[in-house]
Amino acid sequence: MKNYLAILRAVVFTVVSLCIINSCKKDNNNDNVGGAVVSGSTVKTTVTGMVLDDSNTPLAGVSVTAYGQTTTTSQYGTFVLKDLSANKSRCILQFTKAGFFNRAHAMKAAANTVNYVRIVLNSNAVTHTLSSATGGTISGSNTSSVEFGPILLLRQTEAHTLAPLVLR
């Protein structure tokens, strides 16, 4: 009976070890996320869409880049990347515009078809003026807010205004 348990333990240990070793193999996928695709795992596709600001207004002049192609959104916030050679497992789109946070969007693009995306870019500058005597709350365009208490200065009788605060 002891021999049987020793053999069973050795078999279980060997199977588990082989599973661990096999699962730790290096991924041979040579795809480059941000630039041109190196390996043959690409699809030919078209990506189109609309870029909006955080109040759902179309954004013109947004730079849209994917796999070496770049375009700019129209006055209606729309863009088209035709005949894009994209990674078949993940297509990465980059969106940039001054005054807004940069955004990367990953999607699985279908071959030989038009893929649609809707992107929202958030403003990167929220400025407010607060009184140091009373403090205040800064609310973002979504549901976020930051509350500041009063700041005690040398003389509490004077109202001081803080310089504009930029949240990033």
Protein backbone atom coordinates (compact mmCIF):
# COMPACT_ATOMS: atom_id res chain seq x y z
CA MET A 1 0.00 0.00 0.00
CA LYS A 2 2.87 2.42 0.82
CA ASN A 3 4.44 1.63 -2.57
CA TYR A 4 1.16 2.42 -4.32
CA LEU A 5 0.86 5.83 -2.57
CA ALA A 6 4.50 6.68 -3.38
CA ILE A 7 3.95 5.86 -7.07
CA LEU A 8 0.69 7.87 -7.11
CA ARG A 9 2.43 10.88 -5.55
CA ALA A 10 5.27 10.67 -8.09
CA VAL A 11 2.80 10.53 -11.01
CA VAL A 12 0.75 13.46 -9.68
CA PHE A 13 3.93 15.48 -9.06
CA THR A 14 5.19 14.75 -12.59
CA VAL A 15 1.86 15.71 -14.22
CA VAL A 16 1.58 18.94 -12.24
CA SER A 17 5.22 19.84 -12.99
CA LEU A 18 4.74 19.27 -16.71
CA CYS A 19 1.59 21.43 -16.69
CA ILE A 20 3.41 24.27 -14.97
CA ILE A 21 6.43 24.06 -17.27
CA ASN A 22 4.24 23.91 -20.39
CA SER A 23 2.11 26.89 -19.32
CA CYS A 24 5.20 29.06 -18.79
CA LYS A 25 6.33 28.94 -22.42
CA LYS A 26 7.22 32.23 -24.08
CA ASP A 27 4.54 33.72 -26.32
CA ASN A 28 5.88 33.76 -29.88
CA ASN A 29 3.49 36.52 -30.91
CA ASN A 30 5.69 39.27 -32.41
CA ASP A 31 2.91 41.79 -32.93
CA ASN A 32 3.75 45.39 -32.14
CA VAL A 33 0.91 47.04 -30.22
CA GLY A 34 1.44 50.66 -31.25
CA GLY A 35 3.08 50.55 -34.65
CA ALA A 36 3.37 48.30 -37.67
CA VAL A 37 2.53 44.63 -37.29
CA VAL A 38 5.60 42.40 -37.62
CA SER A 39 4.10 38.92 -37.87
CA GLY A 40 1.57 37.50 -40.33
CA SER A 41 -1.36 37.67 -37.91
CA THR A 42 -3.10 40.65 -39.52
CA VAL A 43 -6.48 41.36 -41.06
CA LYS A 44 -7.39 43.95 -43.67
CA THR A 45 -10.21 46.06 -42.27
CA THR A 46 -11.77 49.52 -42.09
CA VAL A 47 -12.31 51.31 -38.79
CA THR A 48 -14.69 54.23 -38.59
CA GLY A 49 -16.26 56.05 -35.71
CA MET A 50 -17.09 59.19 -33.82
CA VAL A 51 -15.14 61.05 -31.14
CA LEU A 52 -17.07 63.06 -28.55
CA ASP A 53 -16.12 65.20 -25.57
CA ASP A 54 -17.37 64.43 -22.07
CA SER A 55 -20.62 66.35 -22.74
CA ASN A 56 -21.31 64.27 -25.91
CA THR A 57 -20.38 67.07 -28.33
CA PRO A 58 -18.51 65.92 -31.47
CA LEU A 59 -14.80 66.78 -31.38
CA ALA A 60 -13.12 68.04 -34.54
CA GLY A 61 -9.35 67.85 -35.01
CA VAL A 62 -8.67 64.70 -32.98
CA SER A 63 -5.68 62.76 -34.28
CA VAL A 64 -6.54 59.05 -34.73
CA THR A 65 -3.62 56.67 -35.28
CA ALA A 66 -3.44 52.91 -35.81
CA TYR A 67 -0.67 50.75 -37.27
CA GLY A 68 1.09 53.55 -39.14
CA GLN A 69 -2.06 55.25 -40.46
CA THR A 70 -3.17 58.62 -39.11
CA THR A 71 -6.29 60.66 -39.79
CA THR A 72 -8.05 63.60 -38.17
CA THR A 73 -11.70 63.81 -37.15
CA SER A 74 -14.03 66.00 -39.20
CA GLN A 75 -16.12 68.90 -37.89
CA TYR A 76 -18.71 66.25 -36.96
CA GLY A 77 -16.19 64.23 -34.93
CA THR A 78 -16.11 61.37 -37.44
CA PHE A 79 -13.09 59.52 -38.83
CA VAL A 80 -12.30 56.64 -41.20
CA LEU A 81 -9.18 54.47 -41.42
CA LYS A 82 -9.54 52.49 -44.69
CA ASP A 83 -7.66 49.32 -45.61
CA LEU A 84 -6.02 49.09 -42.22
CA SER A 85 -3.70 46.11 -41.71
CA ALA A 86 -4.54 45.46 -38.07
CA ASN A 87 -3.57 42.78 -35.60
CA LYS A 88 -6.28 40.13 -35.79
CA SER A 89 -6.38 39.54 -32.04
CA ARG A 90 -6.39 43.22 -31.00
CA CYS A 91 -6.52 46.45 -32.96
CA ILE A 92 -5.15 49.41 -31.00
CA LEU A 93 -6.36 52.93 -31.84
CA GLN A 94 -4.69 56.04 -30.36
CA PHE A 95 -6.67 59.30 -29.92
CA THR A 96 -4.95 62.63 -29.14
CA LYS A 97 -6.09 66.25 -28.98
CA ALA A 98 -4.66 69.22 -27.08
CA GLY A 99 -6.71 69.98 -23.95
CA PHE A 100 -7.89 66.36 -23.60
CA PHE A 101 -6.44 63.22 -22.08
CA ASN A 102 -4.87 60.89 -24.65
CA ARG A 103 -6.78 57.66 -25.10
CA ALA A 104 -5.95 54.22 -26.44
CA HIS A 105 -8.80 51.94 -27.47
CA ALA A 106 -8.43 48.20 -28.09
CA MET A 107 -10.88 46.25 -30.19
CA LYS A 108 -11.05 43.01 -32.12
CA ALA A 109 -11.43 44.08 -35.74
CA ALA A 110 -13.37 41.85 -38.12
CA ALA A 111 -11.68 41.17 -41.47
CA ASN A 112 -12.94 42.73 -44.71
CA THR A 113 -15.66 44.77 -43.03
CA VAL A 114 -16.31 48.14 -41.43
CA ASN A 115 -15.80 48.28 -37.66
CA TYR A 116 -17.46 51.14 -35.73
CA VAL A 117 -16.23 52.72 -32.49
CA ARG A 118 -17.59 55.57 -30.36
CA ILE A 119 -14.93 57.29 -28.27
CA VAL A 120 -15.31 59.86 -25.49
CA LEU A 121 -12.29 62.04 -24.66
CA ASN A 122 -12.20 63.72 -21.25
CA SER A 123 -10.94 67.27 -20.81
CA ASN A 124 -7.63 67.35 -18.95
CA ALA A 125 -7.97 70.82 -17.41
CA VAL A 126 -10.53 71.59 -14.74
CA THR A 127 -9.89 75.02 -13.23
CA HIS A 128 -11.75 76.64 -10.37
CA THR A 129 -11.12 79.52 -7.98
CA LEU A 130 -11.65 78.90 -4.27
CA SER A 131 -11.64 81.23 -1.29
CA SER A 132 -9.10 80.17 1.34
CA ALA A 133 -11.43 81.41 4.07
CA THR A 134 -14.35 79.18 3.09
CA GLY A 135 -12.89 76.37 0.94
CA GLY A 136 -15.15 74.80 -1.63
CA THR A 137 -15.91 71.88 -3.89
CA ILE A 138 -14.61 71.32 -7.41
CA SER A 139 -16.92 69.20 -9.55
CA GLY A 140 -15.82 67.48 -12.73
CA SER A 141 -17.93 67.09 -15.85
CA ASN A 142 -18.90 63.59 -14.73
CA THR A 143 -19.88 62.65 -11.16
CA SER A 144 -16.44 63.26 -9.63
CA SER A 145 -15.71 66.05 -7.17
CA VAL A 146 -12.98 67.17 -4.77
CA GLU A 147 -13.78 69.08 -1.59
CA PHE A 148 -11.30 71.53 -0.02
CA GLY A 149 -11.66 72.84 3.52
CA PRO A 150 -10.78 76.39 4.55
CA ILE A 151 -7.08 77.26 4.73
CA LEU A 152 -6.01 79.27 7.76
CA LEU A 153 -3.68 82.11 6.82
CA LEU A 154 -2.02 84.78 8.94
CA ARG A 155 -5.14 86.94 9.06
CA GLN A 156 -8.55 85.34 8.83
CA THR A 157 -10.29 88.62 8.13
CA GLU A 158 -8.87 88.87 4.60
CA ALA A 159 -10.29 86.77 1.79
CA HIS A 160 -7.54 85.23 -0.33
CA THR A 161 -8.11 83.58 -3.65
CA LEU A 162 -6.07 80.54 -4.58
CA ALA A 163 -4.43 80.45 -7.97
CA PRO A 164 -6.34 78.31 -10.46
CA LEU A 165 -5.98 74.63 -9.60
CA VAL A 166 -5.52 72.15 -12.45
CA LEU A 167 -6.54 68.56 -11.74
CA ARG A 168 -4.90 65.91 -13.91
